[in-house]
Amino acid sequence: MLTIEDHRRDSAGFRYVYPVISRRAGGVSVGINLNVNNACNWACVYCQVDNLTRGGPPPVDVERLVRELDEFLEDALHGDFMAREVPSEARRLMDVAFSGNGEPTSAAEFPATVAAVRAVLERHGLAGSVPLRLITNGSLLHRPAVQDGIRIIGEAGGEVWFKIDRATAAEVEIINGVPFDADRVRRNLQSCAALAATWIQTCWFALDGAAPDATARDAYCALLKPVAASVAGIHLYGLARPSLQPAAPRLRRLDQEALDRFADEIQRKTGIKVSVSP
């Protein structure tokens, strides 16, 4: 059966569609993987994608994606998928989430796939009850096509989970493998929030035996305080599955108490509500 530790993209035998049990969503999340070549424009040290490379995805076969999603939803809604593959406490569809093995908004077909997935949900009578979600690093929000896709998500009542792990240039270079520009992150975040309900998602862990220090925590809160009114909240989460990147031995999971303390600090300094998934 599926577990929160098992996020294999091929578990259902499809190219683009994969079911997982999401601890943050609280049940079965139907993943849409547009980056089937394991390529991403970021290189996060905690990433669970094997053979991760830099770059973007190959062309997406939207018709095949639609067939796969139709087939999976038919099995989940009317077949024995839930009884066969899912523990009893998680047998509910929570969302259809654009996530996968890289940055989904890097696909040229991103807006077309969002529109197609929305139509599939409507056809299965799930519009309004099973939301569309996008899990993104937010780096491509300046692209009109990306904004078009997120606008469709917003119009469908869905939401975006926007990655911000750290808030200093040195930390972001180490954790995410990219340059950091605080003003650009805020602009992209506000652009996203204007198009769809937006949650910040933050992976919080120890590196080389040390948890993020007071300087790191202060910088994080200072980055987000000016945009507090724009966002729905923060998903603060820890390491649940092992990294498959070279830096994996340097990472250590923080306990519930450490995450709760930081969540309290964020709420006190920014006013943003925080949900914690250790």
C-alpha atoms as a PDB file:
ATOM      1  CA  MET A   1       0.000   0.000   0.000  1.00  0.00           C
ATOM      2  CA  LEU A   2       0.999   3.618  -0.485  1.00  0.00           C
ATOM      3  CA  THR A   3       2.556   5.454   2.445  1.00  0.00           C
ATOM      4  CA  ILE A   4       3.640   9.056   3.046  1.00  0.00           C
ATOM      5  CA  GLU A   5       7.211   7.885   2.445  1.00  0.00           C
ATOM      6  CA  ASP A   6       6.399   6.388  -0.985  1.00  0.00           C
ATOM      7  CA  HIS A   7       6.150   9.123  -3.626  1.00  0.00           C
ATOM      8  CA  ARG A   8       7.249   7.052  -6.634  1.00  0.00           C
ATOM      9  CA  ARG A   9       6.134   8.679  -9.885  1.00  0.00           C
ATOM     10  CA  ASP A  10       5.522   5.304 -11.580  1.00  0.00           C
ATOM     11  CA  SER A  11       3.423   3.698  -8.843  1.00  0.00           C
ATOM     12  CA  ALA A  12       0.289   3.592 -11.034  1.00  0.00           C
ATOM     13  CA  GLY A  13       2.077   2.682 -14.259  1.00  0.00           C
ATOM     14  CA  PHE A  14       1.431   6.027 -15.948  1.00  0.00           C
ATOM     15  CA  ARG A  15       3.789   8.546 -17.529  1.00  0.00           C
ATOM     16  CA  TYR A  16       2.283  11.754 -16.163  1.00  0.00           C
ATOM     17  CA  VAL A  17      -0.140  10.768 -13.394  1.00  0.00           C
ATOM     18  CA  TYR A  18       0.911   9.368 -10.022  1.00  0.00           C
ATOM     19  CA  PRO A  19      -1.033   8.997  -6.747  1.00  0.00           C
ATOM     20  CA  VAL A  20       0.633   9.681  -3.387  1.00  0.00           C
ATOM     21  CA  ILE A  21      -0.471   9.977   0.206  1.00  0.00           C
ATOM     22  CA  SER A  22       0.267  13.560   1.134  1.00  0.00           C
ATOM     23  CA  ARG A  23       0.788  14.375   4.819  1.00  0.00           C
ATOM     24  CA  ARG A  24       0.198  18.081   4.068  1.00  0.00           C
ATOM     25  CA  ALA A  25      -2.931  17.512   1.952  1.00  0.00           C
ATOM     26  CA  GLY A  26      -4.211  14.841   4.371  1.00  0.00           C
ATOM     27  CA  GLY A  27      -5.133  12.052   1.963  1.00  0.00           C
ATOM     28  CA  VAL A  28      -4.584  10.935  -1.629  1.00  0.00           C
ATOM     29  CA  SER A  29      -3.037  13.579  -3.839  1.00  0.00           C
ATOM     30  CA  VAL A  30      -3.129  12.900  -7.572  1.00  0.00           C
ATOM     31  CA  GLY A  31       0.198  14.161  -8.862  1.00  0.00           C
ATOM     32  CA  ILE A  32       0.765  15.532 -12.346  1.00  0.00           C
ATOM     33  CA  ASN A  33       4.411  15.127 -13.366  1.00  0.00           C
ATOM     34  CA  LEU A  34       5.294  17.281 -16.371  1.00  0.00           C
ATOM     35  CA  ASN A  35       9.057  16.913 -15.787  1.00  0.00           C
ATOM     36  CA  VAL A  36       9.355  13.260 -16.773  1.00  0.00           C
ATOM     37  CA  ASN A  37      13.063  13.708 -17.604  1.00  0.00           C
ATOM     38  CA  ASN A  38      13.931  14.575 -13.967  1.00  0.00           C
ATOM     39  CA  ALA A  39      15.036  18.076 -14.985  1.00  0.00           C
ATOM     40  CA  CYS A  40      14.499  21.198 -12.877  1.00  0.00           C
ATOM     41  CA  ASN A  41      15.738  24.784 -12.897  1.00  0.00           C
ATOM     42  CA  TRP A  42      16.558  24.439  -9.165  1.00  0.00           C
ATOM     43  CA  ALA A  43      18.672  21.849  -7.374  1.00  0.00           C
ATOM     44  CA  CYS A  44      17.388  21.562  -3.802  1.00  0.00           C
ATOM     45  CA  VAL A  45      19.600  19.563  -1.464  1.00  0.00           C
ATOM     46  CA  TYR A  46      16.611  17.689   0.009  1.00  0.00           C
ATOM     47  CA  CYS A  47      15.058  16.698  -3.345  1.00  0.00           C
ATOM     48  CA  GLN A  48      13.864  13.076  -3.562  1.00  0.00           C
ATOM     49  CA  VAL A  49      14.243  12.874  -7.353  1.00  0.00           C
ATOM     50  CA  ASP A  50      16.889  10.391  -8.463  1.00  0.00           C
ATOM     51  CA  ASN A  51      19.288  11.511 -11.211  1.00  0.00           C
ATOM     52  CA  LEU A  52      18.101  15.107 -10.947  1.00  0.00           C
ATOM     53  CA  THR A  53      19.479  17.328 -13.715  1.00  0.00           C
ATOM     54  CA  ARG A  54      19.260  21.011 -14.577  1.00  0.00           C
ATOM     55  CA  GLY A  55      16.908  22.061 -17.342  1.00  0.00           C
ATOM     56  CA  GLY A  56      13.291  21.884 -18.415  1.00  0.00           C
ATOM     57  CA  PRO A  57      10.902  19.122 -19.484  1.00  0.00           C
ATOM     58  CA  PRO A  58      10.388  17.599 -22.934  1.00  0.00           C
ATOM     59  CA  PRO A  59       7.159  18.424 -24.798  1.00  0.00           C
ATOM     60  CA  VAL A  60       4.085  17.256 -22.888  1.00  0.00           C
ATOM     61  CA  ASP A  61       1.606  14.936 -24.590  1.00  0.00           C
ATOM     62  CA  VAL A  62      -1.525  16.609 -23.244  1.00  0.00           C
ATOM     63  CA  GLU A  63      -3.875  14.043 -24.795  1.00  0.00           C
ATOM     64  CA  ARG A  64      -2.028  11.195 -23.080  1.00  0.00           C
ATOM     65  CA  LEU A  65      -2.079  13.054 -19.776  1.00  0.00           C
ATOM     66  CA  VAL A  66      -5.851  13.451 -20.077  1.00  0.00           C
ATOM     67  CA  ARG A  67      -6.316   9.723 -20.848  1.00  0.00           C
ATOM     68  CA  GLU A  68      -4.193   8.750 -17.860  1.00  0.00           C
ATOM     69  CA  LEU A  69      -6.046  11.072 -15.477  1.00  0.00           C
ATOM     70  CA  ASP A  70      -9.418   9.850 -16.753  1.00  0.00           C
ATOM     71  CA  GLU A  71      -8.347   6.242 -16.224  1.00  0.00           C
ATOM     72  CA  PHE A  72      -6.977   6.857 -12.758  1.00  0.00           C
ATOM     73  CA  LEU A  73     -10.002   8.822 -11.542  1.00  0.00           C
ATOM     74  CA  GLU A  74     -12.336   6.117 -12.852  1.00  0.00           C
ATOM     75  CA  ASP A  75     -10.419   3.527 -10.794  1.00  0.00           C
ATOM     76  CA  ALA A  76     -10.244   5.758  -7.723  1.00  0.00           C
ATOM     77  CA  LEU A  77     -13.909   6.742  -7.810  1.00  0.00           C
ATOM     78  CA  HIS A  78     -15.569   3.570  -9.109  1.00  0.00           C
ATOM     79  CA  GLY A  79     -12.940   0.818  -8.953  1.00  0.00           C
ATOM     80  CA  ASP A  80     -10.955  -0.787  -6.156  1.00  0.00           C
ATOM     81  CA  PHE A  81      -7.915   1.513  -6.129  1.00  0.00           C
ATOM     82  CA  MET A  82      -8.605   2.937  -2.672  1.00  0.00           C
ATOM     83  CA  ALA A  83      -9.160  -0.479  -1.060  1.00  0.00           C
ATOM     84  CA  ARG A  84      -6.240  -1.990  -2.934  1.00  0.00           C
ATOM     85  CA  GLU A  85      -3.595   0.711  -2.506  1.00  0.00           C
ATOM     86  CA  VAL A  86      -4.535   3.160   0.258  1.00  0.00           C
ATOM     87  CA  PRO A  87      -4.700   2.722   4.055  1.00  0.00           C
ATOM     88  CA  SER A  88      -8.238   3.122   5.360  1.00  0.00           C
ATOM     89  CA  GLU A  89      -7.541   6.406   7.162  1.00  0.00           C
ATOM     90  CA  ALA A  90      -6.395   8.095   3.915  1.00  0.00           C
ATOM     91  CA  ARG A  91      -9.060   6.892   1.461  1.00  0.00           C
ATOM     92  CA  ARG A  92     -10.152  10.266   0.143  1.00  0.00           C
ATOM     93  CA  LEU A  93      -9.125  12.334  -2.862  1.00  0.00           C
ATOM     94  CA  MET A  94      -7.658  15.597  -1.603  1.00  0.00           C
ATOM     95  CA  ASP A  95      -6.408  17.326  -4.745  1.00  0.00           C
ATOM     96  CA  VAL A  96      -4.877  17.105  -8.176  1.00  0.00           C
ATOM     97  CA  ALA A  97      -1.442  18.663  -7.832  1.00  0.00           C
ATOM     98  CA  PHE A  98       1.028  19.840 -10.453  1.00  0.00           C
ATOM     99  CA  SER A  99       4.292  18.788  -8.837  1.00  0.00           C
ATOM    100  CA  GLY A 100       6.465  15.920 -10.041  1.00  0.00           C
ATOM    101  CA  ASN A 101      10.172  15.676 -10.819  1.00  0.00           C
ATOM    102  CA  GLY A 102      10.934  19.317 -11.573  1.00  0.00           C
ATOM    103  CA  GLU A 103       9.419  22.784 -11.804  1.00  0.00           C
ATOM    104  CA  PRO A 104       6.022  22.262 -13.514  1.00  0.00           C
ATOM    105  CA  THR A 105       5.700  25.845 -14.738  1.00  0.00           C
ATOM    106  CA  SER A 106       8.818  25.334 -16.885  1.00  0.00           C
ATOM    107  CA  ALA A 107       6.743  23.256 -19.330  1.00  0.00           C
ATOM    108  CA  ALA A 108       5.676  25.200 -22.411  1.00  0.00           C
ATOM    109  CA  GLU A 109       2.330  23.373 -22.215  1.00  0.00           C
ATOM    110  CA  PHE A 110       1.723  24.336 -18.580  1.00  0.00           C
ATOM    111  CA  PRO A 111      -1.393  26.497 -19.173  1.00  0.00           C
ATOM    112  CA  ALA A 112      -2.819  23.969 -21.640  1.00  0.00           C
ATOM    113  CA  THR A 113      -2.356  21.118 -19.169  1.00  0.00           C
ATOM    114  CA  VAL A 114      -4.004  23.110 -16.376  1.00  0.00           C
ATOM    115  CA  ALA A 115      -7.022  23.808 -18.597  1.00  0.00           C
ATOM    116  CA  ALA A 116      -7.188  20.153 -19.640  1.00  0.00           C
ATOM    117  CA  VAL A 117      -6.995  18.868 -16.061  1.00  0.00           C
ATOM    118  CA  ARG A 118      -9.687  21.296 -14.979  1.00  0.00           C
ATOM    119  CA  ALA A 119     -11.946  19.917 -17.736  1.00  0.00           C
ATOM    120  CA  VAL A 120     -11.285  16.342 -16.582  1.00  0.00           C
ATOM    121  CA  LEU A 121     -12.293  17.213 -13.024  1.00  0.00           C
ATOM    122  CA  GLU A 122     -15.478  18.823 -14.301  1.00  0.00           C
ATOM    123  CA  ARG A 123     -16.267  15.742 -16.397  1.00  0.00           C
ATOM    124  CA  HIS A 124     -15.926  13.494 -13.346  1.00  0.00           C
ATOM    125  CA  GLY A 125     -18.073  15.769 -11.190  1.00  0.00           C
ATOM    126  CA  LEU A 126     -15.133  16.742  -8.994  1.00  0.00           C
ATOM    127  CA  ALA A 127     -14.944  20.463  -9.746  1.00  0.00           C
ATOM    128  CA  GLY A 128     -15.323  22.358  -6.497  1.00  0.00           C
ATOM    129  CA  SER A 129     -14.697  19.316  -4.297  1.00  0.00           C
ATOM    130  CA  VAL A 130     -11.224  18.198  -5.432  1.00  0.00           C
ATOM    131  CA  PRO A 131      -9.100  21.321  -5.854  1.00  0.00           C
ATOM    132  CA  LEU A 132      -6.345  21.979  -8.336  1.00  0.00           C
ATOM    133  CA  ARG A 133      -2.984  22.740  -6.730  1.00  0.00           C
ATOM    134  CA  LEU A 134       0.338  23.892  -8.093  1.00  0.00           C
ATOM    135  CA  ILE A 135       3.537  23.192  -6.158  1.00  0.00           C
ATOM    136  CA  THR A 136       6.140  25.594  -7.505  1.00  0.00           C
ATOM    137  CA  ASN A 137       9.398  27.306  -6.727  1.00  0.00           C
ATOM    138  CA  GLY A 138       7.815  30.502  -8.047  1.00  0.00           C
ATOM    139  CA  SER A 139      10.810  31.481 -10.135  1.00  0.00           C
ATOM    140  CA  LEU A 140       8.966  31.778 -13.466  1.00  0.00           C
ATOM    141  CA  LEU A 141       6.049  33.989 -12.433  1.00  0.00           C
ATOM    142  CA  HIS A 142       7.303  36.710 -14.766  1.00  0.00           C
ATOM    143  CA  ARG A 143       6.218  34.606 -17.752  1.00  0.00           C
ATOM    144  CA  PRO A 144       2.737  35.446 -19.119  1.00  0.00           C
ATOM    145  CA  ALA A 145       2.046  31.774 -19.892  1.00  0.00           C
ATOM    146  CA  VAL A 146       2.763  30.807 -16.280  1.00  0.00           C
ATOM    147  CA  GLN A 147       0.418  33.540 -15.084  1.00  0.00           C
ATOM    148  CA  ASP A 148      -2.243  32.233 -17.481  1.00  0.00           C
ATOM    149  CA  GLY A 149      -2.002  28.751 -15.977  1.00  0.00           C
ATOM    150  CA  ILE A 150      -2.179  30.038 -12.413  1.00  0.00           C
ATOM    151  CA  ARG A 151      -5.143  32.229 -13.344  1.00  0.00           C
ATOM    152  CA  ILE A 152      -7.030  29.093 -14.442  1.00  0.00           C
ATOM    153  CA  ILE A 153      -6.185  27.464 -11.113  1.00  0.00           C
ATOM    154  CA  GLY A 154      -7.511  30.516  -9.281  1.00  0.00           C
ATOM    155  CA  GLU A 155     -10.687  30.634 -11.339  1.00  0.00           C
ATOM    156  CA  ALA A 156     -11.278  26.968 -10.490  1.00  0.00           C
ATOM    157  CA  GLY A 157     -10.967  27.706  -6.772  1.00  0.00           C
ATOM    158  CA  GLY A 158      -7.561  26.024  -6.519  1.00  0.00           C
ATOM    159  CA  GLU A 159      -4.387  27.188  -4.844  1.00  0.00           C
ATOM    160  CA  VAL A 160      -0.634  27.477  -5.193  1.00  0.00           C
ATOM    161  CA  TRP A 161       2.065  26.272  -2.803  1.00  0.00           C
ATOM    162  CA  PHE A 162       5.007  28.620  -3.387  1.00  0.00           C
ATOM    163  CA  LYS A 163       8.427  27.453  -2.187  1.00  0.00           C
ATOM    164  CA  ILE A 164      10.505  29.737   0.041  1.00  0.00           C
ATOM    165  CA  ASP A 165      12.972  27.720   2.093  1.00  0.00           C
ATOM    166  CA  ARG A 166      15.415  30.406   3.235  1.00  0.00           C
ATOM    167  CA  ALA A 167      15.830  34.171   2.905  1.00  0.00           C
ATOM    168  CA  THR A 168      19.529  34.971   2.614  1.00  0.00           C
ATOM    169  CA  ALA A 169      21.609  34.667  -0.539  1.00  0.00           C
ATOM    170  CA  ALA A 170      24.142  32.348   1.077  1.00  0.00           C
ATOM    171  CA  GLU A 171      21.496  29.933   2.374  1.00  0.00           C
ATOM    172  CA  VAL A 172      19.450  29.881  -0.832  1.00  0.00           C
ATOM    173  CA  GLU A 173      22.579  29.131  -2.850  1.00  0.00           C
ATOM    174  CA  ILE A 174      23.309  26.145  -0.608  1.00  0.00           C
ATOM    175  CA  ILE A 175      19.739  24.871  -0.106  1.00  0.00           C
ATOM    176  CA  ASN A 176      18.165  25.533  -3.526  1.00  0.00           C
ATOM    177  CA  GLY A 177      21.206  26.012  -5.750  1.00  0.00           C
ATOM    178  CA  VAL A 178      20.085  29.351  -7.213  1.00  0.00           C
ATOM    179  CA  PRO A 179      20.807  33.086  -6.748  1.00  0.00           C
ATOM    180  CA  PHE A 180      18.500  34.989  -4.406  1.00  0.00           C
ATOM    181  CA  ASP A 181      16.839  38.365  -4.934  1.00  0.00           C
ATOM    182  CA  ALA A 182      14.447  39.265  -2.111  1.00  0.00           C
ATOM    183  CA  ASP A 183      12.580  41.906  -4.131  1.00  0.00           C
ATOM    184  CA  ARG A 184      12.028  39.512  -7.014  1.00  0.00           C
ATOM    185  CA  VAL A 185      10.759  36.783  -4.678  1.00  0.00           C
ATOM    186  CA  ARG A 186       8.264  39.224  -3.156  1.00  0.00           C
ATOM    187  CA  ARG A 187       7.112  40.428  -6.588  1.00  0.00           C
ATOM    188  CA  ASN A 188       6.602  36.888  -7.825  1.00  0.00           C
ATOM    189  CA  LEU A 189       4.801  35.926  -4.640  1.00  0.00           C
ATOM    190  CA  GLN A 190       2.444  38.887  -4.865  1.00  0.00           C
ATOM    191  CA  SER A 191       1.802  38.249  -8.570  1.00  0.00           C
ATOM    192  CA  CYS A 192       0.939  34.655  -7.747  1.00  0.00           C
ATOM    193  CA  ALA A 193      -1.317  35.598  -4.845  1.00  0.00           C
ATOM    194  CA  ALA A 194      -3.232  38.015  -7.075  1.00  0.00           C
ATOM    195  CA  LEU A 195      -4.113  35.134  -9.404  1.00  0.00           C
ATOM    196  CA  ALA A 196      -4.855  32.298  -6.951  1.00  0.00           C
ATOM    197  CA  ALA A 197      -4.888  31.610  -3.224  1.00  0.00           C
ATOM    198  CA  THR A 198      -1.219  31.134  -2.336  1.00  0.00           C
ATOM    199  CA  TRP A 199       0.478  29.306   0.524  1.00  0.00           C
ATOM    200  CA  ILE A 200       4.194  29.522   1.170  1.00  0.00           C
ATOM    201  CA  GLN A 201       5.835  26.115   1.596  1.00  0.00           C
ATOM    202  CA  THR A 202       9.040  25.956   3.619  1.00  0.00           C
ATOM    203  CA  CYS A 203      11.228  22.915   4.255  1.00  0.00           C
ATOM    204  CA  TRP A 204      13.001  23.425   7.604  1.00  0.00           C
ATOM    205  CA  PHE A 205      15.858  21.149   8.643  1.00  0.00           C
ATOM    206  CA  ALA A 206      19.340  21.040  10.096  1.00  0.00           C
ATOM    207  CA  LEU A 207      22.381  21.244   7.827  1.00  0.00           C
ATOM    208  CA  ASP A 208      25.762  19.914   8.933  1.00  0.00           C
ATOM    209  CA  GLY A 209      24.324  19.300  12.397  1.00  0.00           C
ATOM    210  CA  ALA A 210      23.040  22.850  12.910  1.00  0.00           C
ATOM    211  CA  ALA A 211      19.448  24.093  12.723  1.00  0.00           C
ATOM    212  CA  PRO A 212      18.880  27.489  11.059  1.00  0.00           C
ATOM    213  CA  ASP A 213      20.096  30.171  13.472  1.00  0.00           C
ATOM    214  CA  ALA A 214      18.496  33.397  14.677  1.00  0.00           C
ATOM    215  CA  THR A 215      19.892  35.343  11.718  1.00  0.00           C
ATOM    216  CA  ALA A 216      18.272  32.892   9.292  1.00  0.00           C
ATOM    217  CA  ARG A 217      14.963  32.995  11.135  1.00  0.00           C
ATOM    218  CA  ASP A 218      14.966  36.805  11.309  1.00  0.00           C
ATOM    219  CA  ALA A 219      15.727  37.089   7.587  1.00  0.00           C
ATOM    220  CA  TYR A 220      12.879  34.702   6.756  1.00  0.00           C
ATOM    221  CA  CYS A 221      10.371  36.698   8.787  1.00  0.00           C
ATOM    222  CA  ALA A 222      11.647  40.011   7.404  1.00  0.00           C
ATOM    223  CA  LEU A 223      11.200  38.739   3.846  1.00  0.00           C
ATOM    224  CA  LEU A 224       7.583  37.722   4.415  1.00  0.00           C
ATOM    225  CA  LYS A 225       6.232  40.393   6.760  1.00  0.00           C
ATOM    226  CA  PRO A 226       5.638  42.956   3.952  1.00  0.00           C
ATOM    227  CA  VAL A 227       3.524  40.458   1.984  1.00  0.00           C
ATOM    228  CA  ALA A 228       1.649  38.965   4.940  1.00  0.00           C
ATOM    229  CA  ALA A 229      -1.704  40.296   3.772  1.00  0.00           C
ATOM    230  CA  SER A 230      -1.307  38.668   0.347  1.00  0.00           C
ATOM    231  CA  VAL A 231      -0.799  35.033   1.341  1.00  0.00           C
ATOM    232  CA  ALA A 232      -3.131  32.414   2.776  1.00  0.00           C
ATOM    233  CA  GLY A 233      -0.535  31.025   5.169  1.00  0.00           C
ATOM    234  CA  ILE A 234       2.648  28.999   5.482  1.00  0.00           C
ATOM    235  CA  HIS A 235       3.133  25.246   5.285  1.00  0.00           C
ATOM    236  CA  LEU A 236       6.192  24.616   7.472  1.00  0.00           C
ATOM    237  CA  TYR A 237       7.381  21.060   7.052  1.00  0.00           C
ATOM    238  CA  GLY A 238      10.322  18.820   7.865  1.00  0.00           C
ATOM    239  CA  LEU A 239      12.148  16.017   6.099  1.00  0.00           C
ATOM    240  CA  ALA A 240       9.855  12.995   5.723  1.00  0.00           C
ATOM    241  CA  ARG A 241      11.701  11.093   3.001  1.00  0.00           C
ATOM    242  CA  PRO A 242      15.425  10.715   2.331  1.00  0.00           C
ATOM    243  CA  SER A 243      17.137  13.068  -0.088  1.00  0.00           C
ATOM    244  CA  LEU A 244      18.589  11.460  -3.198  1.00  0.00           C
ATOM    245  CA  GLN A 245      21.077  14.292  -3.748  1.00  0.00           C
ATOM    246  CA  PRO A 246      24.819  14.286  -2.969  1.00  0.00           C
ATOM    247  CA  ALA A 247      24.232  16.497   0.080  1.00  0.00           C
ATOM    248  CA  ALA A 248      21.926  13.933   1.732  1.00  0.00           C
ATOM    249  CA  PRO A 249      24.410  12.995   4.517  1.00  0.00           C
ATOM    250  CA  ARG A 250      24.532  16.660   5.572  1.00  0.00           C
ATOM    251  CA  LEU A 251      20.790  16.859   6.287  1.00  0.00           C
ATOM    252  CA  ARG A 252      19.030  16.080   9.547  1.00  0.00           C
ATOM    253  CA  ARG A 253      15.352  16.145  10.414  1.00  0.00           C
ATOM    254  CA  LEU A 254      14.201  18.561  13.129  1.00  0.00           C
ATOM    255  CA  ASP A 255      11.701  17.426  15.735  1.00  0.00           C
ATOM    256  CA  GLN A 256       8.154  18.657  16.224  1.00  0.00           C
ATOM    257  CA  GLU A 257       9.164  20.983  19.055  1.00  0.00           C
ATOM    258  CA  ALA A 258      11.734  22.807  16.919  1.00  0.00           C
ATOM    259  CA  LEU A 259       9.242  23.309  14.092  1.00  0.00           C
ATOM    260  CA  ASP A 260       6.534  24.458  16.506  1.00  0.00           C
ATOM    261  CA  ARG A 261       8.901  27.028  18.036  1.00  0.00           C
ATOM    262  CA  PHE A 262       9.717  28.468  14.637  1.00  0.00           C
ATOM    263  CA  ALA A 263       6.038  28.488  13.656  1.00  0.00           C
ATOM    264  CA  ASP A 264       5.260  30.518  16.781  1.00  0.00           C
ATOM    265  CA  GLU A 265       8.082  32.914  15.949  1.00  0.00           C
ATOM    266  CA  ILE A 266       6.805  33.400  12.396  1.00  0.00           C
ATOM    267  CA  GLN A 267       3.269  34.093  13.568  1.00  0.00           C
ATOM    268  CA  ARG A 268       4.487  36.519  16.209  1.00  0.00           C
ATOM    269  CA  LYS A 269       6.746  38.477  13.836  1.00  0.00           C
ATOM    270  CA  THR A 270       4.670  38.427  10.643  1.00  0.00           C
ATOM    271  CA  GLY A 271       1.061  37.696  11.587  1.00  0.00           C
ATOM    272  CA  ILE A 272       0.935  34.885   9.008  1.00  0.00           C
ATOM    273  CA  LYS A 273      -0.742  31.669  10.140  1.00  0.00           C
ATOM    274  CA  VAL A 274       1.451  28.577   9.986  1.00  0.00           C
ATOM    275  CA  SER A 275       0.585  24.889   9.697  1.00  0.00           C
ATOM    276  CA  VAL A 276       3.277  22.409  10.749  1.00  0.00           C
ATOM    277  CA  SER A 277       4.002  18.979   9.238  1.00  0.00           C
ATOM    278  CA  PRO A 278       7.080  17.479  10.909  1.00  0.00           C
END
